[in-house]
Amino acid sequence: MTMVEHDLKPGDWLVQTAAGSNGGQLVLQLARSERFRTVNIVRRRAQVPDIKALGGEVVITSEDNDWGTQLATASAGRALSRAIDCVAGRTGATVRGISRLVAVCWSMGHCRPTGNRSCGI
């Protein structure tokens, strides 16, 4: 999905939330293999060295109050037109709001089924 839906080419930039999750780490492996670049948002500062070791070029922690500003600064001069949001809520809204250059943003998550109905994103 990452490569096809986002139409990523070598050198393109992808913003991802929850970069420290299993899914985020898979995206980092894919980025290394396919040579696209990443801006990674993690929850805690302690995760930053791990993400950088996996090839994350820009790592921002949402633990910092100004992480939205850091994201806006990280995007200066870079075409951040794609994002994967595994968090949703305030984090996803901030990514979409600050990165007004984001043209394609996939949100993933889960929701609680109601009655016999199930839902998923």
PDB file of N, CA and C in Angstrom:
ATOM      1  N   MET A   1       0.827  -1.190   0.000  1.00  0.00           N
ATOM      2  CA  MET A   1       0.000   0.000   0.000  1.00  0.00           C
ATOM      3  C   MET A   1       0.872   1.255   0.000  1.00  0.00           C
ATOM      4  N   THR A   2       1.923   1.258   0.800  1.00  0.00           N
ATOM      5  CA  THR A   2       2.765   2.443   0.899  1.00  0.00           C
ATOM      6  C   THR A   2       3.311   2.853  -0.457  1.00  0.00           C
ATOM      7  N   MET A   3       3.860   1.915  -1.189  1.00  0.00           N
ATOM      8  CA  MET A   3       4.476   2.242  -2.473  1.00  0.00           C
ATOM      9  C   MET A   3       3.440   2.545  -3.549  1.00  0.00           C
ATOM     10  N   VAL A   4       2.384   1.761  -3.613  1.00  0.00           N
ATOM     11  CA  VAL A   4       1.399   1.906  -4.687  1.00  0.00           C
ATOM     12  C   VAL A   4       0.524   3.137  -4.480  1.00  0.00           C
ATOM     13  N   GLU A   5      -0.103   3.234  -3.326  1.00  0.00           N
ATOM     14  CA  GLU A   5      -1.047   4.330  -3.085  1.00  0.00           C
ATOM     15  C   GLU A   5      -0.361   5.686  -2.988  1.00  0.00           C
ATOM     16  N   HIS A   6       0.846   5.708  -2.463  1.00  0.00           N
ATOM     17  CA  HIS A   6       1.563   6.974  -2.338  1.00  0.00           C
ATOM     18  C   HIS A   6       2.432   7.268  -3.554  1.00  0.00           C
ATOM     19  N   ASP A   7       2.565   6.295  -4.446  1.00  0.00           N
ATOM     20  CA  ASP A   7       3.366   6.461  -5.661  1.00  0.00           C
ATOM     21  C   ASP A   7       4.751   7.029  -5.328  1.00  0.00           C
ATOM     22  N   LEU A   8       5.407   6.402  -4.358  1.00  0.00           N
ATOM     23  CA  LEU A   8       6.709   6.879  -3.901  1.00  0.00           C
ATOM     24  C   LEU A   8       7.821   6.474  -4.856  1.00  0.00           C
ATOM     25  N   LYS A   9       8.681   7.419  -5.122  1.00  0.00           N
ATOM     26  CA  LYS A   9       9.850   7.216  -5.973  1.00  0.00           C
ATOM     27  C   LYS A   9      11.101   7.497  -5.137  1.00  0.00           C
ATOM     28  N   PRO A  10      12.254   7.022  -5.558  1.00  0.00           N
ATOM     29  CA  PRO A  10      13.485   7.346  -4.835  1.00  0.00           C
ATOM     30  C   PRO A  10      13.625   8.860  -4.655  1.00  0.00           C
ATOM     31  N   GLY A  11      13.938   9.254  -3.430  1.00  0.00           N
ATOM     32  CA  GLY A  11      14.111  10.675  -3.114  1.00  0.00           C
ATOM     33  C   GLY A  11      12.851  11.362  -2.618  1.00  0.00           C
ATOM     34  N   ASP A  12      11.650  10.773  -2.830  1.00  0.00           N
ATOM     35  CA  ASP A  12      10.413  11.354  -2.309  1.00  0.00           C
ATOM     36  C   ASP A  12      10.415  11.300  -0.786  1.00  0.00           C
ATOM     37  N   TRP A  13       9.640  12.177  -0.163  1.00  0.00           N
ATOM     38  CA  TRP A  13       9.545  12.226   1.293  1.00  0.00           C
ATOM     39  C   TRP A  13       8.188  11.712   1.738  1.00  0.00           C
ATOM     40  N   LEU A  14       8.185  10.965   2.853  1.00  0.00           N
ATOM     41  CA  LEU A  14       6.971  10.441   3.474  1.00  0.00           C
ATOM     42  C   LEU A  14       7.009  10.796   4.958  1.00  0.00           C
ATOM     43  N   VAL A  15       5.943  11.387   5.468  1.00  0.00           N
ATOM     44  CA  VAL A  15       5.802  11.643   6.900  1.00  0.00           C
ATOM     45  C   VAL A  15       5.057  10.458   7.493  1.00  0.00           C
ATOM     46  N   GLN A  16       5.529   9.953   8.637  1.00  0.00           N
ATOM     47  CA  GLN A  16       4.791   8.883   9.301  1.00  0.00           C
ATOM     48  C   GLN A  16       4.710   9.144  10.803  1.00  0.00           C
ATOM     49  N   THR A  17       3.513   8.931  11.348  1.00  0.00           N
ATOM     50  CA  THR A  17       3.339   8.950  12.791  1.00  0.00           C
ATOM     51  C   THR A  17       3.590   7.540  13.309  1.00  0.00           C
ATOM     52  N   ALA A  18       3.780   7.405  14.603  1.00  0.00           N
ATOM     53  CA  ALA A  18       4.019   6.094  15.229  1.00  0.00           C
ATOM     54  C   ALA A  18       5.171   5.351  14.558  1.00  0.00           C
ATOM     55  N   ALA A  19       6.230   6.082  14.270  1.00  0.00           N
ATOM     56  CA  ALA A  19       7.373   5.481  13.573  1.00  0.00           C
ATOM     57  C   ALA A  19       8.022   4.362  14.375  1.00  0.00           C
ATOM     58  N   GLY A  20       7.843   4.349  15.680  1.00  0.00           N
ATOM     59  CA  GLY A  20       8.424   3.304  16.507  1.00  0.00           C
ATOM     60  C   GLY A  20       7.600   2.030  16.571  1.00  0.00           C
ATOM     61  N   SER A  21       6.410   2.058  16.001  1.00  0.00           N
ATOM     62  CA  SER A  21       5.552   0.875  16.008  1.00  0.00           C
ATOM     63  C   SER A  21       6.088  -0.162  15.022  1.00  0.00           C
ATOM     64  N   ASN A  22       5.546  -1.366  15.084  1.00  0.00           N
ATOM     65  CA  ASN A  22       5.953  -2.397  14.118  1.00  0.00           C
ATOM     66  C   ASN A  22       5.707  -1.936  12.695  1.00  0.00           C
ATOM     67  N   GLY A  23       4.560  -1.322  12.462  1.00  0.00           N
ATOM     68  CA  GLY A  23       4.253  -0.812  11.125  1.00  0.00           C
ATOM     69  C   GLY A  23       5.224   0.272  10.701  1.00  0.00           C
ATOM     70  N   GLY A  24       5.557   1.171  11.617  1.00  0.00           N
ATOM     71  CA  GLY A  24       6.509   2.233  11.321  1.00  0.00           C
ATOM     72  C   GLY A  24       7.882   1.699  10.986  1.00  0.00           C
ATOM     73  N   GLN A  25       8.298   0.665  11.705  1.00  0.00           N
ATOM     74  CA  GLN A  25       9.597   0.069  11.431  1.00  0.00           C
ATOM     75  C   GLN A  25       9.614  -0.635  10.082  1.00  0.00           C
ATOM     76  N   LEU A  26       8.484  -1.219   9.694  1.00  0.00           N
ATOM     77  CA  LEU A  26       8.383  -1.820   8.354  1.00  0.00           C
ATOM     78  C   LEU A  26       8.500  -0.751   7.274  1.00  0.00           C
ATOM     79  N   VAL A  27       7.866   0.404   7.516  1.00  0.00           N
ATOM     80  CA  VAL A  27       7.974   1.509   6.552  1.00  0.00           C
ATOM     81  C   VAL A  27       9.427   1.950   6.428  1.00  0.00           C
ATOM     82  N   LEU A  28      10.157   1.995   7.537  1.00  0.00           N
ATOM     83  CA  LEU A  28      11.570   2.374   7.483  1.00  0.00           C
ATOM     84  C   LEU A  28      12.396   1.365   6.679  1.00  0.00           C
ATOM     85  N   GLN A  29      12.092   0.084   6.825  1.00  0.00           N
ATOM     86  CA  GLN A  29      12.785  -0.930   6.029  1.00  0.00           C
ATOM     87  C   GLN A  29      12.472  -0.750   4.548  1.00  0.00           C
ATOM     88  N   LEU A  30      11.226  -0.474   4.253  1.00  0.00           N
ATOM     89  CA  LEU A  30      10.813  -0.247   2.873  1.00  0.00           C
ATOM     90  C   LEU A  30      11.482   1.006   2.315  1.00  0.00           C
ATOM     91  N   ALA A  31      11.571   2.040   3.142  1.00  0.00           N
ATOM     92  CA  ALA A  31      12.223   3.283   2.704  1.00  0.00           C
ATOM     93  C   ALA A  31      13.680   3.040   2.349  1.00  0.00           C
ATOM     94  N   ARG A  32      14.346   2.249   3.164  1.00  0.00           N
ATOM     95  CA  ARG A  32      15.754   1.945   2.886  1.00  0.00           C
ATOM     96  C   ARG A  32      15.878   1.166   1.578  1.00  0.00           C
ATOM     97  N   SER A  33      15.004   0.196   1.385  1.00  0.00           N
ATOM     98  CA  SER A  33      15.034  -0.644   0.194  1.00  0.00           C
ATOM     99  C   SER A  33      14.681   0.136  -1.075  1.00  0.00           C
ATOM    100  N   GLU A  34      13.659   0.975  -0.981  1.00  0.00           N
ATOM    101  CA  GLU A  34      13.156   1.686  -2.162  1.00  0.00           C
ATOM    102  C   GLU A  34      13.710   3.106  -2.297  1.00  0.00           C
ATOM    103  N   ARG A  35      14.534   3.509  -1.329  1.00  0.00           N
ATOM    104  CA  ARG A  35      15.259   4.783  -1.353  1.00  0.00           C
ATOM    105  C   ARG A  35      14.369   6.023  -1.306  1.00  0.00           C
ATOM    106  N   PHE A  36      13.213   5.935  -0.613  1.00  0.00           N
ATOM    107  CA  PHE A  36      12.485   7.169  -0.343  1.00  0.00           C
ATOM    108  C   PHE A  36      12.870   7.637   1.058  1.00  0.00           C
ATOM    109  N   ARG A  37      12.595   8.875   1.357  1.00  0.00           N
ATOM    110  CA  ARG A  37      13.059   9.489   2.595  1.00  0.00           C
ATOM    111  C   ARG A  37      11.889   9.651   3.568  1.00  0.00           C
ATOM    112  N   THR A  38      12.211   9.726   4.861  1.00  0.00           N
ATOM    113  CA  THR A  38      11.145   9.766   5.856  1.00  0.00           C
ATOM    114  C   THR A  38      11.331  10.872   6.885  1.00  0.00           C
ATOM    115  N   VAL A  39      10.193  11.433   7.289  1.00  0.00           N
ATOM    116  CA  VAL A  39      10.091  12.276   8.479  1.00  0.00           C
ATOM    117  C   VAL A  39       9.263  11.453   9.445  1.00  0.00           C
ATOM    118  N   ASN A  40       9.810  11.137  10.597  1.00  0.00           N
ATOM    119  CA  ASN A  40       9.227  10.182  11.530  1.00  0.00           C
ATOM    120  C   ASN A  40       8.805  10.860  12.819  1.00  0.00           C
ATOM    121  N   ILE A  41       7.586  10.607  13.241  1.00  0.00           N
ATOM    122  CA  ILE A  41       7.099  11.149  14.505  1.00  0.00           C
ATOM    123  C   ILE A  41       6.959   9.984  15.484  1.00  0.00           C
ATOM    124  N   VAL A  42       7.609  10.130  16.639  1.00  0.00           N
ATOM    125  CA  VAL A  42       7.539   9.123  17.699  1.00  0.00           C
ATOM    126  C   VAL A  42       6.988   9.768  18.961  1.00  0.00           C
ATOM    127  N   ARG A  43       6.566   8.951  19.886  1.00  0.00           N
ATOM    128  CA  ARG A  43       5.957   9.455  21.118  1.00  0.00           C
ATOM    129  C   ARG A  43       6.995   9.921  22.138  1.00  0.00           C
ATOM    130  N   ARG A  44       8.105   9.194  22.255  1.00  0.00           N
ATOM    131  CA  ARG A  44       9.081   9.487  23.316  1.00  0.00           C
ATOM    132  C   ARG A  44      10.481   9.726  22.751  1.00  0.00           C
ATOM    133  N   ARG A  45      11.217  10.634  23.405  1.00  0.00           N
ATOM    134  CA  ARG A  45      12.592  10.942  22.998  1.00  0.00           C
ATOM    135  C   ARG A  45      13.484   9.703  22.990  1.00  0.00           C
ATOM    136  N   ALA A  46      13.223   8.769  23.905  1.00  0.00           N
ATOM    137  CA  ALA A  46      14.042   7.564  23.990  1.00  0.00           C
ATOM    138  C   ALA A  46      13.985   6.731  22.709  1.00  0.00           C
ATOM    139  N   GLN A  47      12.976   6.944  21.881  1.00  0.00           N
ATOM    140  CA  GLN A  47      12.834   6.185  20.635  1.00  0.00           C
ATOM    141  C   GLN A  47      13.678   6.757  19.494  1.00  0.00           C
ATOM    142  N   VAL A  48      14.118   7.990  19.631  1.00  0.00           N
ATOM    143  CA  VAL A  48      14.814   8.676  18.534  1.00  0.00           C
ATOM    144  C   VAL A  48      16.043   7.907  18.047  1.00  0.00           C
ATOM    145  N   PRO A  49      16.961   7.457  18.939  1.00  0.00           N
ATOM    146  CA  PRO A  49      18.147   6.732  18.436  1.00  0.00           C
ATOM    147  C   PRO A  49      17.787   5.455  17.674  1.00  0.00           C
ATOM    148  N   ASP A  50      16.759   4.754  18.135  1.00  0.00           N
ATOM    149  CA  ASP A  50      16.351   3.521  17.448  1.00  0.00           C
ATOM    150  C   ASP A  50      15.860   3.806  16.034  1.00  0.00           C
ATOM    151  N   ILE A  51      15.065   4.861  15.884  1.00  0.00           N
ATOM    152  CA  ILE A  51      14.523   5.206  14.565  1.00  0.00           C
ATOM    153  C   ILE A  51      15.648   5.665  13.642  1.00  0.00           C
ATOM    154  N   LYS A  52      16.572   6.446  14.173  1.00  0.00           N
ATOM    155  CA  LYS A  52      17.714   6.870  13.351  1.00  0.00           C
ATOM    156  C   LYS A  52      18.564   5.671  12.938  1.00  0.00           C
ATOM    157  N   ALA A  53      18.727   4.704  13.843  1.00  0.00           N
ATOM    158  CA  ALA A  53      19.510   3.507  13.520  1.00  0.00           C
ATOM    159  C   ALA A  53      18.848   2.689  12.413  1.00  0.00           C
ATOM    160  N   LEU A  54      17.519   2.786  12.316  1.00  0.00           N
ATOM    161  CA  LEU A  54      16.789   2.073  11.256  1.00  0.00           C
ATOM    162  C   LEU A  54      16.761   2.858   9.944  1.00  0.00           C
ATOM    163  N   GLY A  55      17.373   4.048   9.942  1.00  0.00           N
ATOM    164  CA  GLY A  55      17.450   4.828   8.715  1.00  0.00           C
ATOM    165  C   GLY A  55      16.540   6.038   8.675  1.00  0.00           C
ATOM    166  N   GLY A  56      15.826   6.326   9.759  1.00  0.00           N
ATOM    167  CA  GLY A  56      14.973   7.515   9.794  1.00  0.00           C
ATOM    168  C   GLY A  56      15.817   8.778   9.730  1.00  0.00           C
ATOM    169  N   GLU A  57      15.601   9.584   8.721  1.00  0.00           N
ATOM    170  CA  GLU A  57      16.445  10.767   8.528  1.00  0.00           C
ATOM    171  C   GLU A  57      16.064  11.907   9.456  1.00  0.00           C
ATOM    172  N   VAL A  58      14.762  12.181   9.544  1.00  0.00           N
ATOM    173  CA  VAL A  58      14.260  13.227  10.433  1.00  0.00           C
ATOM    174  C   VAL A  58      13.356  12.536  11.442  1.00  0.00           C
ATOM    175  N   VAL A  59      13.638  12.744  12.742  1.00  0.00           N
ATOM    176  CA  VAL A  59      12.832  12.133  13.792  1.00  0.00           C
ATOM    177  C   VAL A  59      12.386  13.234  14.744  1.00  0.00           C
ATOM    178  N   ILE A  60      11.085  13.313  14.933  1.00  0.00           N
ATOM    179  CA  ILE A  60      10.466  14.319  15.793  1.00  0.00           C
ATOM    180  C   ILE A  60       9.689  13.585  16.875  1.00  0.00           C
ATOM    181  N   THR A  61       9.758  14.066  18.097  1.00  0.00           N
ATOM    182  CA  THR A  61       9.015  13.435  19.174  1.00  0.00           C
ATOM    183  C   THR A  61       7.808  14.267  19.587  1.00  0.00           C
ATOM    184  N   SER A  62       6.650  13.638  19.673  1.00  0.00           N
ATOM    185  CA  SER A  62       5.435  14.352  20.075  1.00  0.00           C
ATOM    186  C   SER A  62       5.439  14.644  21.569  1.00  0.00           C
ATOM    187  N   GLU A  63       6.456  14.175  22.271  1.00  0.00           N
ATOM    188  CA  GLU A  63       6.635  14.496  23.689  1.00  0.00           C
ATOM    189  C   GLU A  63       6.976  15.984  23.847  1.00  0.00           C
ATOM    190  N   ASP A  64       7.577  16.571  22.819  1.00  0.00           N
ATOM    191  CA  ASP A  64       7.913  17.994  22.845  1.00  0.00           C
ATOM    192  C   ASP A  64       6.675  18.812  22.534  1.00  0.00           C
ATOM    193  N   ASN A  65       6.465  19.878  23.289  1.00  0.00           N
ATOM    194  CA  ASN A  65       5.292  20.726  23.061  1.00  0.00           C
ATOM    195  C   ASN A  65       5.300  21.380  21.691  1.00  0.00           C
ATOM    196  N   ASP A  66       6.467  21.609  21.140  1.00  0.00           N
ATOM    197  CA  ASP A  66       6.567  22.302  19.851  1.00  0.00           C
ATOM    198  C   ASP A  66       6.799  21.355  18.676  1.00  0.00           C
ATOM    199  N   TRP A  67       6.386  20.094  18.807  1.00  0.00           N
ATOM    200  CA  TRP A  67       6.671  19.131  17.733  1.00  0.00           C
ATOM    201  C   TRP A  67       6.012  19.539  16.422  1.00  0.00           C
ATOM    202  N   GLY A  68       4.865  20.191  16.488  1.00  0.00           N
ATOM    203  CA  GLY A  68       4.230  20.661  15.259  1.00  0.00           C
ATOM    204  C   GLY A  68       5.087  21.680  14.536  1.00  0.00           C
ATOM    205  N   THR A  69       5.699  22.561  15.309  1.00  0.00           N
ATOM    206  CA  THR A  69       6.614  23.547  14.729  1.00  0.00           C
ATOM    207  C   THR A  69       7.846  22.850  14.156  1.00  0.00           C
ATOM    208  N   GLN A  70       8.331  21.831  14.859  1.00  0.00           N
ATOM    209  CA  GLN A  70       9.468  21.065  14.343  1.00  0.00           C
ATOM    210  C   GLN A  70       9.124  20.411  13.004  1.00  0.00           C
ATOM    211  N   LEU A  71       7.891  19.913  12.895  1.00  0.00           N
ATOM    212  CA  LEU A  71       7.459  19.306  11.637  1.00  0.00           C
ATOM    213  C   LEU A  71       7.434  20.346  10.527  1.00  0.00           C
ATOM    214  N   ALA A  72       6.902  21.513  10.837  1.00  0.00           N
ATOM    215  CA  ALA A  72       6.854  22.582   9.829  1.00  0.00           C
ATOM    216  C   ALA A  72       8.264  22.972   9.401  1.00  0.00           C
ATOM    217  N   THR A  73       9.197  23.012  10.341  1.00  0.00           N
ATOM    218  CA  THR A  73      10.590  23.338  10.028  1.00  0.00           C
ATOM    219  C   THR A  73      11.230  22.225   9.214  1.00  0.00           C
ATOM    220  N   ALA A  74      10.934  20.988   9.568  1.00  0.00           N
ATOM    221  CA  ALA A  74      11.506  19.846   8.846  1.00  0.00           C
ATOM    222  C   ALA A  74      11.076  19.849   7.392  1.00  0.00           C
ATOM    223  N   SER A  75       9.907  20.396   7.119  1.00  0.00           N
ATOM    224  CA  SER A  75       9.390  20.368   5.761  1.00  0.00           C
ATOM    225  C   SER A  75       9.896  21.526   4.904  1.00  0.00           C
ATOM    226  N   ALA A  76      10.605  22.453   5.503  1.00  0.00           N
ATOM    227  CA  ALA A  76      11.094  23.604   4.751  1.00  0.00           C
ATOM    228  C   ALA A  76      11.970  23.140   3.588  1.00  0.00           C
ATOM    229  N   GLY A  77      11.545  23.442   2.399  1.00  0.00           N
ATOM    230  CA  GLY A  77      12.322  23.099   1.217  1.00  0.00           C
ATOM    231  C   GLY A  77      12.157  21.665   0.748  1.00  0.00           C
ATOM    232  N   ARG A  78      11.365  20.885   1.461  1.00  0.00           N
ATOM    233  CA  ARG A  78      11.161  19.489   1.080  1.00  0.00           C
ATOM    234  C   ARG A  78       9.715  19.298   0.661  1.00  0.00           C
ATOM    235  N   ALA A  79       9.506  18.524  -0.356  1.00  0.00           N
ATOM    236  CA  ALA A  79       8.147  18.250  -0.821  1.00  0.00           C
ATOM    237  C   ALA A  79       7.545  17.126   0.023  1.00  0.00           C
ATOM    238  N   LEU A  80       6.861  17.497   1.101  1.00  0.00           N
ATOM    239  CA  LEU A  80       6.195  16.513   1.955  1.00  0.00           C
ATOM    240  C   LEU A  80       4.757  16.375   1.481  1.00  0.00           C
ATOM    241  N   SER A  81       4.566  15.564   0.481  1.00  0.00           N
ATOM    242  CA  SER A  81       3.240  15.457  -0.121  1.00  0.00           C
ATOM    243  C   SER A  81       2.515  14.173   0.259  1.00  0.00           C
ATOM    244  N   ARG A  82       3.149  13.343   1.110  1.00  0.00           N
ATOM    245  CA  ARG A  82       2.550  12.054   1.457  1.00  0.00           C
ATOM    246  C   ARG A  82       2.757  11.775   2.942  1.00  0.00           C
ATOM    247  N   ALA A  83       1.762  11.123   3.552  1.00  0.00           N
ATOM    248  CA  ALA A  83       1.870  10.788   4.975  1.00  0.00           C
ATOM    249  C   ALA A  83       1.114   9.506   5.276  1.00  0.00           C
ATOM    250  N   ILE A  84       1.594   8.807   6.297  1.00  0.00           N
ATOM    251  CA  ILE A  84       0.888   7.665   6.863  1.00  0.00           C
ATOM    252  C   ILE A  84       0.657   7.998   8.326  1.00  0.00           C
ATOM    253  N   ASP A  85      -0.597   7.963   8.741  1.00  0.00           N
ATOM    254  CA  ASP A  85      -0.950   8.299  10.112  1.00  0.00           C
ATOM    255  C   ASP A  85      -1.499   7.065  10.812  1.00  0.00           C
ATOM    256  N   CYS A  86      -0.729   6.523  11.723  1.00  0.00           N
ATOM    257  CA  CYS A  86      -1.163   5.345  12.489  1.00  0.00           C
ATOM    258  C   CYS A  86      -1.748   5.735  13.834  1.00  0.00           C
ATOM    259  N   VAL A  87      -1.841   7.027  14.126  1.00  0.00           N
ATOM    260  CA  VAL A  87      -2.280   7.494  15.428  1.00  0.00           C
ATOM    261  C   VAL A  87      -3.682   8.095  15.368  1.00  0.00           C
ATOM    262  N   ALA A  88      -3.954   8.890  14.358  1.00  0.00           N
ATOM    263  CA  ALA A  88      -5.214   9.636  14.211  1.00  0.00           C
ATOM    264  C   ALA A  88      -5.340  10.643  15.348  1.00  0.00           C
ATOM    265  N   GLY A  89      -6.535  11.102  15.612  1.00  0.00           N
ATOM    266  CA  GLY A  89      -6.747  12.073  16.685  1.00  0.00           C
ATOM    267  C   GLY A  89      -5.956  13.346  16.474  1.00  0.00           C
ATOM    268  N   ARG A  90      -5.501  13.919  17.581  1.00  0.00           N
ATOM    269  CA  ARG A  90      -4.788  15.197  17.549  1.00  0.00           C
ATOM    270  C   ARG A  90      -3.494  15.111  16.755  1.00  0.00           C
ATOM    271  N   THR A  91      -2.768  14.005  16.892  1.00  0.00           N
ATOM    272  CA  THR A  91      -1.497  13.861  16.174  1.00  0.00           C
ATOM    273  C   THR A  91      -1.724  13.883  14.667  1.00  0.00           C
ATOM    274  N   GLY A  92      -2.667  13.081  14.203  1.00  0.00           N
ATOM    275  CA  GLY A  92      -2.962  13.055  12.771  1.00  0.00           C
ATOM    276  C   GLY A  92      -3.465  14.385  12.258  1.00  0.00           C
ATOM    277  N   ALA A  93      -4.309  15.043  13.042  1.00  0.00           N
ATOM    278  CA  ALA A  93      -4.829  16.352  12.637  1.00  0.00           C
ATOM    279  C   ALA A  93      -3.709  17.375  12.544  1.00  0.00           C
ATOM    280  N   THR A  94      -2.764  17.304  13.471  1.00  0.00           N
ATOM    281  CA  THR A  94      -1.629  18.226  13.429  1.00  0.00           C
ATOM    282  C   THR A  94      -0.778  17.981  12.189  1.00  0.00           C
ATOM    283  N   VAL A  95      -0.526  16.720  11.879  1.00  0.00           N
ATOM    284  CA  VAL A  95       0.263  16.396  10.680  1.00  0.00           C
ATOM    285  C   VAL A  95      -0.435  16.951   9.443  1.00  0.00           C
ATOM    286  N   ARG A  96      -1.728  16.705   9.332  1.00  0.00           N
ATOM    287  CA  ARG A  96      -2.452  17.192   8.149  1.00  0.00           C
ATOM    288  C   ARG A  96      -2.561  18.708   8.135  1.00  0.00           C
ATOM    289  N   GLY A  97      -2.699  19.327   9.306  1.00  0.00           N
ATOM    290  CA  GLY A  97      -2.843  20.781   9.365  1.00  0.00           C
ATOM    291  C   GLY A  97      -1.558  21.527   9.095  1.00  0.00           C
ATOM    292  N   ILE A  98      -0.472  21.054   9.667  1.00  0.00           N
ATOM    293  CA  ILE A  98       0.814  21.737   9.509  1.00  0.00           C
ATOM    294  C   ILE A  98       1.424  21.432   8.158  1.00  0.00           C
ATOM    295  N   SER A  99       1.337  20.203   7.758  1.00  0.00           N
ATOM    296  CA  SER A  99       1.909  19.819   6.468  1.00  0.00           C
ATOM    297  C   SER A  99       0.876  20.058   5.383  1.00  0.00           C
ATOM    298  N   ARG A 100       0.583  21.309   5.146  1.00  0.00           N
ATOM    299  CA  ARG A 100      -0.434  21.609   4.138  1.00  0.00           C
ATOM    300  C   ARG A 100      -0.013  21.121   2.752  1.00  0.00           C
ATOM    301  N   LEU A 101       1.255  20.717   2.643  1.00  0.00           N
ATOM    302  CA  LEU A 101       1.726  20.153   1.384  1.00  0.00           C
ATOM    303  C   LEU A 101       1.318  18.694   1.232  1.00  0.00           C
ATOM    304  N   VAL A 102       0.838  18.089   2.342  1.00  0.00           N
ATOM    305  CA  VAL A 102       0.458  16.674   2.273  1.00  0.00           C
ATOM    306  C   VAL A 102      -0.757  16.520   1.375  1.00  0.00           C
ATOM    307  N   ALA A 103      -0.576  15.851   0.263  1.00  0.00           N
ATOM    308  CA  ALA A 103      -1.655  15.639  -0.695  1.00  0.00           C
ATOM    309  C   ALA A 103      -2.344  14.301  -0.458  1.00  0.00           C
ATOM    310  N   VAL A 104      -1.596  13.313   0.009  1.00  0.00           N
ATOM    311  CA  VAL A 104      -2.140  11.980   0.255  1.00  0.00           C
ATOM    312  C   VAL A 104      -1.772  11.585   1.676  1.00  0.00           C
ATOM    313  N   CYS A 105      -2.781  11.335   2.513  1.00  0.00           N
ATOM    314  CA  CYS A 105      -2.529  10.904   3.875  1.00  0.00           C
ATOM    315  C   CYS A 105      -3.413   9.706   4.169  1.00  0.00           C
ATOM    316  N   TRP A 106      -2.795   8.570   4.424  1.00  0.00           N
ATOM    317  CA  TRP A 106      -3.531   7.366   4.803  1.00  0.00           C
ATOM    318  C   TRP A 106      -3.564   7.283   6.309  1.00  0.00           C
ATOM    319  N   SER A 107      -4.761   7.172   6.876  1.00  0.00           N
ATOM    320  CA  SER A 107      -4.903   6.972   8.316  1.00  0.00           C
ATOM    321  C   SER A 107      -5.274   5.531   8.568  1.00  0.00           C
ATOM    322  N   MET A 108      -4.586   4.917   9.518  1.00  0.00           N
ATOM    323  CA  MET A 108      -4.875   3.537   9.881  1.00  0.00           C
ATOM    324  C   MET A 108      -5.222   3.518  11.358  1.00  0.00           C
ATOM    325  N   GLY A 109      -6.070   2.581  11.740  1.00  0.00           N
ATOM    326  CA  GLY A 109      -6.428   2.484  13.143  1.00  0.00           C
ATOM    327  C   GLY A 109      -7.512   1.464  13.322  1.00  0.00           C
ATOM    328  N   HIS A 110      -8.207   1.579  14.397  1.00  0.00           N
ATOM    329  CA  HIS A 110      -9.307   0.666  14.666  1.00  0.00           C
ATOM    330  C   HIS A 110     -10.412   1.412  15.385  1.00  0.00           C
ATOM    331  N   CYS A 111     -11.571   0.848  15.338  1.00  0.00           N
ATOM    332  CA  CYS A 111     -12.676   1.409  16.086  1.00  0.00           C
ATOM    333  C   CYS A 111     -13.489   0.263  16.664  1.00  0.00           C
ATOM    334  N   ARG A 112     -14.266   0.570  17.634  1.00  0.00           N
ATOM    335  CA  ARG A 112     -15.026  -0.444  18.342  1.00  0.00           C
ATOM    336  C   ARG A 112     -16.283  -0.803  17.561  1.00  0.00           C
ATOM    337  N   PRO A 113     -16.519  -2.091  17.295  1.00  0.00           N
ATOM    338  CA  PRO A 113     -17.741  -2.482  16.593  1.00  0.00           C
ATOM    339  C   PRO A 113     -18.983  -2.167  17.426  1.00  0.00           C
ATOM    340  N   THR A 114     -20.039  -1.801  16.747  1.00  0.00           N
ATOM    341  CA  THR A 114     -21.297  -1.503  17.422  1.00  0.00           C
ATOM    342  C   THR A 114     -22.324  -2.539  17.005  1.00  0.00           C
ATOM    343  N   GLY A 115     -22.843  -3.279  17.979  1.00  0.00           N
ATOM    344  CA  GLY A 115     -23.816  -4.321  17.673  1.00  0.00           C
ATOM    345  C   GLY A 115     -23.191  -5.352  16.760  1.00  0.00           C
ATOM    346  N   ASN A 116     -23.877  -5.678  15.680  1.00  0.00           N
ATOM    347  CA  ASN A 116     -23.362  -6.643  14.703  1.00  0.00           C
ATOM    348  C   ASN A 116     -22.516  -5.993  13.618  1.00  0.00           C
ATOM    349  N   ARG A 117     -22.353  -4.695  13.728  1.00  0.00           N
ATOM    350  CA  ARG A 117     -21.585  -3.993  12.704  1.00  0.00           C
ATOM    351  C   ARG A 117     -20.132  -3.896  13.132  1.00  0.00           C
ATOM    352  N   SER A 118     -19.256  -3.990  12.196  1.00  0.00           N
ATOM    353  CA  SER A 118     -17.836  -3.782  12.495  1.00  0.00           C
ATOM    354  C   SER A 118     -17.346  -2.664  11.594  1.00  0.00           C
ATOM    355  N   CYS A 119     -16.278  -2.074  11.994  1.00  0.00           N
ATOM    356  CA  CYS A 119     -15.744  -0.973  11.186  1.00  0.00           C
ATOM    357  C   CYS A 119     -14.234  -1.018  11.240  1.00  0.00           C
ATOM    358  N   GLY A 120     -13.627  -0.410  10.312  1.00  0.00           N
ATOM    359  CA  GLY A 120     -12.172  -0.327  10.270  1.00  0.00           C
ATOM    360  C   GLY A 120     -11.763   0.783   9.354  1.00  0.00           C
ATOM    361  N   ILE A 121     -10.586   1.250   9.544  1.00  0.00           N
ATOM    362  CA  ILE A 121     -10.085   2.338   8.717  1.00  0.00           C
ATOM    363  C   ILE A 121      -8.906   1.818   7.933  1.00  0.00           C
TER     364      ILE A 121
END
